[in-house]
Amino acid sequence: MKTAFVTVGTTSFDGLVAAVSAPEAVRVLQDLSYSRLILQIGRGTVTPDSVCTPTFTQEVYRYKNSLFQDIQEADLIISHAGAGSCLEVLEAGKPLLVVVNDKLMDNHQLELARQLQRDGHLFYCTCRTLIQTLQSMDLSTLKPFPPGQPEKFAAFLDKVVGI
């Protein structure tokens, strides 16, 4: 059973939750052989229903003490562009699609996602381009993120945000 895990971290990102749980996005995920979608929706106001059919399961929750198990069990992680979430998924060696919130002002998340995609570690998109990106991305082209070097990630973040 292929699983896609969606996380918004401790924030709210209703645009991502709505986009990935929309019928068209669910159809694309099913076309890509995903039969389970887990949505961690944080403090958002968009709360999709849990669904269980013979061919597809959608689980929804706000928070857990740890996302470790969901990340480990997922075949694809779709995440907001928070640095902490990106680092956790990349260090776990899981395929990552980052959805940038283009409604944020002074968007350092976009710079981070753009650089990590340029380096081959993830794919990124916006809510508007989520379906197209799911259909076109090739997860086999992703390069592993060098493990155990948080100081390099911190230096990289400093460079991206101009510190």
Foldseek 3Di string as FASTA:
>chain_A
DAEEEEEAPQDADPLQVCLCPDPLNVVLCVVVVHAEYEYQGHPYPDFDDFDDDPRHTYHYHHDDPDCVVVLLRHQEYEYELDLVVVLVNLQSVHAYEYAYAPVDPLGLSVLVQVVQVVVQAYHYYHSVCVSVCSVPDDSVRHDRDDHDCVVVSVVVSCVSSVD
